[in-house]
Amino acid sequence: MNWYKILKFCQQVLEKPLTYFDIGHEIVTNKERSGSPNFMWIFYDGEVLAIEESEENVTHEEAFPFIGQGSWPRYYSGRYESGTGRLSLLKPVQGVAAHRDVPGVLINRLYQEFPEITEIKPF
């Protein structure tokens, strides 16, 4: 095995896996701001509701206060980075939806809300 193959192998092994907080959490994680806005979204009543991340809206609970505190585990939600086009998709952890595939209607609504999506990363 030559040095190039060894280097490529090491890069693959050592790459840090992408986490939910790596996408669209600049304010929460104190990352350097990219200049492009990040959005929080939730799939609620068959629609994608989105709001820009800001100092006043850092978490989904702050951005969407009409959702009850204990109700979050029942909804699809995530973040969108407009600068990269990456979108995180957090599946519900409670209810029937936690055991199903992501519905096609949700994917369609996400592309309507964020037409520049380059990657959808489920968590």
N, C-alpha and C. Protein backbone atom coordinates (compact mmCIF):
# COMPACT_ATOMS: atom_id res chain seq x y z
N MET A 1 0.86 -1.17 0.00
CA MET A 1 0.00 0.00 0.00
C MET A 1 0.91 1.24 0.00
N ASN A 2 0.66 2.16 -0.91
CA ASN A 2 1.52 3.35 -0.95
C ASN A 2 1.04 4.41 0.04
N TRP A 3 1.82 5.44 0.23
CA TRP A 3 1.53 6.47 1.23
C TRP A 3 0.23 7.21 0.93
N TYR A 4 -0.11 7.38 -0.35
CA TYR A 4 -1.34 8.10 -0.70
C TYR A 4 -2.57 7.32 -0.24
N LYS A 5 -2.55 6.02 -0.47
CA LYS A 5 -3.68 5.19 -0.03
C LYS A 5 -3.80 5.17 1.49
N ILE A 6 -2.67 5.13 2.16
CA ILE A 6 -2.68 5.17 3.63
C ILE A 6 -3.26 6.49 4.12
N LEU A 7 -2.85 7.60 3.48
CA LEU A 7 -3.36 8.93 3.85
C LEU A 7 -4.88 9.01 3.64
N LYS A 8 -5.36 8.55 2.51
CA LYS A 8 -6.80 8.58 2.23
C LYS A 8 -7.57 7.73 3.23
N PHE A 9 -7.03 6.57 3.57
CA PHE A 9 -7.68 5.70 4.54
C PHE A 9 -7.77 6.39 5.89
N CYS A 10 -6.68 7.01 6.32
CA CYS A 10 -6.66 7.71 7.61
C CYS A 10 -7.64 8.88 7.64
N GLN A 11 -7.74 9.60 6.53
CA GLN A 11 -8.69 10.71 6.47
C GLN A 11 -10.11 10.21 6.64
N GLN A 12 -10.45 9.11 6.00
CA GLN A 12 -11.79 8.57 6.12
C GLN A 12 -12.08 8.10 7.53
N VAL A 13 -11.12 7.45 8.15
CA VAL A 13 -11.30 6.92 9.50
C VAL A 13 -11.40 8.04 10.53
N LEU A 14 -10.61 9.09 10.33
CA LEU A 14 -10.54 10.16 11.32
C LEU A 14 -11.58 11.26 11.13
N GLU A 15 -12.32 11.25 10.02
CA GLU A 15 -13.32 12.29 9.81
C GLU A 15 -14.38 12.22 10.90
N LYS A 16 -14.70 13.38 11.43
CA LYS A 16 -15.72 13.47 12.47
C LYS A 16 -17.10 13.32 11.83
N PRO A 17 -17.93 12.43 12.35
CA PRO A 17 -19.26 12.29 11.77
C PRO A 17 -20.10 13.55 12.00
N LEU A 18 -20.95 13.84 11.05
CA LEU A 18 -21.82 15.01 11.12
C LEU A 18 -22.88 14.79 12.20
N THR A 19 -23.08 15.80 13.04
CA THR A 19 -24.11 15.72 14.07
C THR A 19 -25.21 16.74 13.78
N TYR A 20 -26.32 16.61 14.49
CA TYR A 20 -27.44 17.54 14.32
C TYR A 20 -27.00 18.98 14.55
N PHE A 21 -26.11 19.21 15.51
CA PHE A 21 -25.69 20.57 15.84
C PHE A 21 -24.69 21.16 14.85
N ASP A 22 -24.24 20.38 13.89
CA ASP A 22 -23.33 20.89 12.86
C ASP A 22 -24.06 21.64 11.74
N ILE A 23 -25.36 21.52 11.68
CA ILE A 23 -26.14 22.14 10.61
C ILE A 23 -27.04 23.23 11.18
N GLY A 24 -26.77 24.47 10.81
CA GLY A 24 -27.66 25.58 11.13
C GLY A 24 -27.72 26.01 12.58
N HIS A 25 -26.71 25.74 13.36
CA HIS A 25 -26.71 26.11 14.78
C HIS A 25 -25.59 27.11 15.09
N GLU A 26 -25.40 28.12 14.27
CA GLU A 26 -24.30 29.06 14.48
C GLU A 26 -24.43 29.82 15.79
N ILE A 27 -25.61 30.30 16.12
CA ILE A 27 -25.79 31.09 17.34
C ILE A 27 -25.71 30.18 18.57
N VAL A 28 -26.38 29.04 18.52
CA VAL A 28 -26.40 28.12 19.66
C VAL A 28 -25.00 27.63 20.01
N THR A 29 -24.21 27.29 19.00
CA THR A 29 -22.89 26.71 19.25
C THR A 29 -21.77 27.74 19.20
N ASN A 30 -22.13 29.01 19.06
CA ASN A 30 -21.14 30.09 18.99
C ASN A 30 -20.14 29.91 17.86
N LYS A 31 -20.59 29.35 16.74
CA LYS A 31 -19.74 29.21 15.56
C LYS A 31 -19.62 30.57 14.88
N GLU A 32 -18.57 30.71 14.11
CA GLU A 32 -18.40 31.93 13.33
C GLU A 32 -19.55 32.04 12.34
N ARG A 33 -20.15 33.20 12.26
CA ARG A 33 -21.31 33.40 11.38
C ARG A 33 -20.88 33.39 9.91
N SER A 34 -21.65 32.70 9.09
CA SER A 34 -21.32 32.56 7.68
C SER A 34 -21.78 33.75 6.85
N GLY A 35 -22.67 34.56 7.39
CA GLY A 35 -23.21 35.68 6.63
C GLY A 35 -24.54 35.35 5.96
N SER A 36 -24.80 34.07 5.76
CA SER A 36 -26.08 33.63 5.21
C SER A 36 -26.97 33.19 6.36
N PRO A 37 -28.27 33.49 6.28
CA PRO A 37 -29.15 33.14 7.40
C PRO A 37 -29.38 31.63 7.53
N ASN A 38 -29.59 31.21 8.74
CA ASN A 38 -30.00 29.84 9.05
C ASN A 38 -31.45 29.89 9.49
N PHE A 39 -32.17 28.83 9.23
CA PHE A 39 -33.59 28.78 9.57
C PHE A 39 -33.90 27.54 10.40
N MET A 40 -34.83 27.70 11.33
CA MET A 40 -35.41 26.58 12.05
C MET A 40 -36.74 26.28 11.38
N TRP A 41 -37.09 25.02 11.30
CA TRP A 41 -38.37 24.67 10.69
C TRP A 41 -39.04 23.55 11.50
N ILE A 42 -40.34 23.47 11.31
CA ILE A 42 -41.14 22.40 11.93
C ILE A 42 -42.24 22.03 10.94
N PHE A 43 -42.59 20.76 10.90
CA PHE A 43 -43.70 20.28 10.08
C PHE A 43 -44.91 20.20 10.99
N TYR A 44 -45.83 21.14 10.80
CA TYR A 44 -46.96 21.30 11.71
C TYR A 44 -48.24 21.44 10.91
N ASP A 45 -49.21 20.61 11.16
CA ASP A 45 -50.50 20.65 10.48
C ASP A 45 -50.35 20.55 8.96
N GLY A 46 -49.42 19.74 8.50
CA GLY A 46 -49.24 19.52 7.06
C GLY A 46 -48.45 20.60 6.33
N GLU A 47 -47.91 21.55 7.06
CA GLU A 47 -47.14 22.65 6.45
C GLU A 47 -45.78 22.77 7.12
N VAL A 48 -44.80 23.26 6.36
CA VAL A 48 -43.49 23.57 6.92
C VAL A 48 -43.52 25.03 7.38
N LEU A 49 -43.34 25.24 8.66
CA LEU A 49 -43.24 26.59 9.21
C LEU A 49 -41.76 26.86 9.46
N ALA A 50 -41.27 28.01 9.01
CA ALA A 50 -39.84 28.32 9.15
C ALA A 50 -39.66 29.73 9.70
N ILE A 51 -38.60 29.89 10.49
CA ILE A 51 -38.25 31.20 11.03
C ILE A 51 -36.73 31.29 11.09
N GLU A 52 -36.22 32.49 10.81
CA GLU A 52 -34.78 32.69 10.79
C GLU A 52 -34.20 32.62 12.20
N GLU A 53 -33.06 31.94 12.32
CA GLU A 53 -32.35 31.89 13.60
C GLU A 53 -31.87 33.30 13.94
N SER A 54 -32.09 33.71 15.18
CA SER A 54 -31.65 35.03 15.63
C SER A 54 -31.36 34.95 17.13
N GLU A 55 -30.88 36.05 17.68
CA GLU A 55 -30.61 36.08 19.13
C GLU A 55 -31.89 35.85 19.93
N GLU A 56 -33.05 36.27 19.38
CA GLU A 56 -34.34 36.09 20.06
C GLU A 56 -34.92 34.69 19.82
N ASN A 57 -34.55 34.08 18.70
CA ASN A 57 -35.05 32.76 18.33
C ASN A 57 -33.88 31.82 18.13
N VAL A 58 -33.37 31.30 19.23
CA VAL A 58 -32.21 30.41 19.18
C VAL A 58 -32.66 28.95 19.14
N THR A 59 -33.75 28.64 19.81
CA THR A 59 -34.25 27.27 19.87
C THR A 59 -35.62 27.18 19.21
N HIS A 60 -36.02 25.96 18.89
CA HIS A 60 -37.35 25.76 18.31
C HIS A 60 -38.44 26.19 19.29
N GLU A 61 -38.22 25.97 20.57
CA GLU A 61 -39.22 26.34 21.57
C GLU A 61 -39.43 27.86 21.59
N GLU A 62 -38.37 28.63 21.39
CA GLU A 62 -38.49 30.10 21.33
C GLU A 62 -39.12 30.55 20.02
N ALA A 63 -38.76 29.89 18.94
CA ALA A 63 -39.27 30.30 17.62
C ALA A 63 -40.74 29.92 17.41
N PHE A 64 -41.15 28.82 18.01
CA PHE A 64 -42.52 28.33 17.82
C PHE A 64 -43.17 28.09 19.19
N PRO A 65 -43.46 29.16 19.94
CA PRO A 65 -43.97 28.99 21.31
C PRO A 65 -45.36 28.37 21.39
N PHE A 66 -46.10 28.35 20.28
CA PHE A 66 -47.45 27.78 20.31
C PHE A 66 -47.43 26.25 20.40
N ILE A 67 -46.27 25.65 20.18
CA ILE A 67 -46.13 24.21 20.37
C ILE A 67 -45.86 23.98 21.85
N GLY A 68 -46.64 23.17 22.49
CA GLY A 68 -46.46 22.92 23.91
C GLY A 68 -45.09 22.33 24.23
N GLN A 69 -44.56 22.63 25.39
CA GLN A 69 -43.22 22.20 25.79
C GLN A 69 -43.06 20.68 25.66
N GLY A 70 -44.03 19.92 26.07
CA GLY A 70 -43.92 18.47 26.01
C GLY A 70 -44.30 17.86 24.68
N SER A 71 -44.71 18.69 23.72
CA SER A 71 -45.20 18.17 22.43
C SER A 71 -44.11 18.00 21.39
N TRP A 72 -42.91 18.55 21.61
CA TRP A 72 -41.86 18.52 20.59
C TRP A 72 -41.50 17.14 20.09
N PRO A 73 -41.46 16.13 20.92
CA PRO A 73 -41.06 14.82 20.41
C PRO A 73 -42.00 14.21 19.37
N ARG A 74 -43.15 14.85 19.11
CA ARG A 74 -44.12 14.30 18.15
C ARG A 74 -44.03 14.92 16.77
N TYR A 75 -43.14 15.89 16.55
CA TYR A 75 -43.09 16.61 15.28
C TYR A 75 -41.75 16.43 14.56
N TYR A 76 -41.81 16.47 13.23
CA TYR A 76 -40.59 16.57 12.43
C TYR A 76 -40.10 18.01 12.54
N SER A 77 -38.79 18.18 12.69
CA SER A 77 -38.25 19.54 12.77
C SER A 77 -36.80 19.49 12.32
N GLY A 78 -36.18 20.66 12.25
CA GLY A 78 -34.78 20.70 11.85
C GLY A 78 -34.29 22.11 11.60
N ARG A 79 -33.16 22.18 10.93
CA ARG A 79 -32.51 23.45 10.59
C ARG A 79 -32.13 23.44 9.12
N TYR A 80 -32.02 24.65 8.57
CA TYR A 80 -31.60 24.81 7.17
C TYR A 80 -30.54 25.90 7.10
N GLU A 81 -29.43 25.60 6.44
CA GLU A 81 -28.36 26.57 6.20
C GLU A 81 -28.50 27.09 4.78
N SER A 82 -28.87 28.34 4.62
CA SER A 82 -29.05 28.87 3.27
C SER A 82 -27.71 29.01 2.54
N GLY A 83 -26.62 29.17 3.28
CA GLY A 83 -25.31 29.31 2.64
C GLY A 83 -24.81 28.04 1.98
N THR A 84 -25.12 26.89 2.58
CA THR A 84 -24.65 25.60 2.05
C THR A 84 -25.76 24.79 1.41
N GLY A 85 -27.00 25.09 1.76
CA GLY A 85 -28.13 24.30 1.26
C GLY A 85 -28.36 23.02 2.05
N ARG A 86 -27.62 22.84 3.14
CA ARG A 86 -27.81 21.63 3.95
C ARG A 86 -29.02 21.80 4.86
N LEU A 87 -29.78 20.71 5.01
CA LEU A 87 -30.97 20.71 5.85
C LEU A 87 -30.93 19.51 6.76
N SER A 88 -31.13 19.75 8.06
CA SER A 88 -31.23 18.65 9.01
C SER A 88 -32.69 18.30 9.21
N LEU A 89 -32.95 17.01 9.39
CA LEU A 89 -34.31 16.53 9.57
C LEU A 89 -34.32 15.63 10.80
N LEU A 90 -34.95 16.12 11.85
CA LEU A 90 -35.04 15.37 13.09
C LEU A 90 -36.41 14.70 13.14
N LYS A 91 -36.39 13.37 13.15
CA LYS A 91 -37.65 12.61 13.18
C LYS A 91 -38.26 12.67 14.57
N PRO A 92 -39.59 12.52 14.64
CA PRO A 92 -40.24 12.45 15.95
C PRO A 92 -39.71 11.25 16.73
N VAL A 93 -39.69 11.38 18.03
CA VAL A 93 -39.25 10.26 18.88
C VAL A 93 -40.43 9.61 19.60
N GLN A 94 -41.61 10.20 19.44
CA GLN A 94 -42.81 9.63 20.05
C GLN A 94 -43.87 9.44 18.99
N GLY A 95 -44.76 8.52 19.22
CA GLY A 95 -45.89 8.31 18.33
C GLY A 95 -45.55 7.41 17.15
N VAL A 96 -46.52 7.22 16.29
CA VAL A 96 -46.40 6.33 15.14
C VAL A 96 -45.33 6.82 14.17
N ALA A 97 -45.23 8.14 13.98
CA ALA A 97 -44.28 8.69 13.01
C ALA A 97 -42.83 8.33 13.34
N ALA A 98 -42.53 8.04 14.58
CA ALA A 98 -41.17 7.67 14.96
C ALA A 98 -40.72 6.36 14.31
N HIS A 99 -41.67 5.54 13.88
CA HIS A 99 -41.36 4.23 13.32
C HIS A 99 -41.58 4.15 11.81
N ARG A 100 -41.89 5.26 11.20
CA ARG A 100 -42.17 5.28 9.76
C ARG A 100 -41.06 6.00 9.01
N ASP A 101 -41.05 5.80 7.70
CA ASP A 101 -40.15 6.57 6.85
C ASP A 101 -40.63 8.01 6.80
N VAL A 102 -39.75 8.91 6.41
CA VAL A 102 -40.12 10.32 6.28
C VAL A 102 -41.16 10.43 5.16
N PRO A 103 -42.31 11.06 5.42
CA PRO A 103 -43.36 11.14 4.40
C PRO A 103 -42.93 11.98 3.20
N GLY A 104 -43.33 11.54 2.03
CA GLY A 104 -43.02 12.26 0.79
C GLY A 104 -43.57 13.67 0.78
N VAL A 105 -44.74 13.87 1.40
CA VAL A 105 -45.33 15.21 1.44
C VAL A 105 -44.42 16.17 2.22
N LEU A 106 -43.76 15.68 3.26
CA LEU A 106 -42.83 16.53 4.01
C LEU A 106 -41.65 16.94 3.14
N ILE A 107 -41.07 15.98 2.43
CA ILE A 107 -39.94 16.29 1.55
C ILE A 107 -40.36 17.32 0.49
N ASN A 108 -41.54 17.14 -0.09
CA ASN A 108 -42.04 18.11 -1.09
C ASN A 108 -42.20 19.50 -0.49
N ARG A 109 -42.78 19.58 0.70
CA ARG A 109 -42.98 20.87 1.36
C ARG A 109 -41.64 21.54 1.70
N LEU A 110 -40.65 20.72 2.10
CA LEU A 110 -39.33 21.28 2.41
C LEU A 110 -38.70 21.91 1.16
N TYR A 111 -38.81 21.23 0.02
CA TYR A 111 -38.26 21.79 -1.22
C TYR A 111 -39.04 23.03 -1.68
N GLN A 112 -40.32 23.11 -1.34
CA GLN A 112 -41.08 24.32 -1.65
C GLN A 112 -40.61 25.48 -0.78
N GLU A 113 -40.37 25.21 0.49
CA GLU A 113 -39.95 26.25 1.43
C GLU A 113 -38.49 26.66 1.20
N PHE A 114 -37.64 25.69 0.91
CA PHE A 114 -36.20 25.92 0.72
C PHE A 114 -35.77 25.32 -0.62
N PRO A 115 -36.01 26.01 -1.72
CA PRO A 115 -35.73 25.43 -3.04
C PRO A 115 -34.25 25.16 -3.33
N GLU A 116 -33.36 25.71 -2.54
CA GLU A 116 -31.93 25.55 -2.79
C GLU A 116 -31.31 24.42 -1.96
N ILE A 117 -32.10 23.48 -1.48
CA ILE A 117 -31.58 22.36 -0.69
C ILE A 117 -30.59 21.57 -1.54
N THR A 118 -29.41 21.30 -0.96
CA THR A 118 -28.40 20.48 -1.62
C THR A 118 -28.27 19.12 -0.96
N GLU A 119 -28.64 19.05 0.32
CA GLU A 119 -28.50 17.80 1.06
C GLU A 119 -29.51 17.78 2.22
N ILE A 120 -30.19 16.66 2.38
CA ILE A 120 -31.06 16.46 3.54
C ILE A 120 -30.41 15.39 4.40
N LYS A 121 -30.11 15.76 5.63
CA LYS A 121 -29.44 14.86 6.56
C LYS A 121 -30.40 14.48 7.68
N PRO A 122 -30.94 13.25 7.67
CA PRO A 122 -31.84 12.83 8.75
C PRO A 122 -31.08 12.46 10.02
N PHE A 123 -31.67 12.76 11.16
CA PHE A 123 -31.10 12.41 12.47
C PHE A 123 -32.17 11.72 13.31
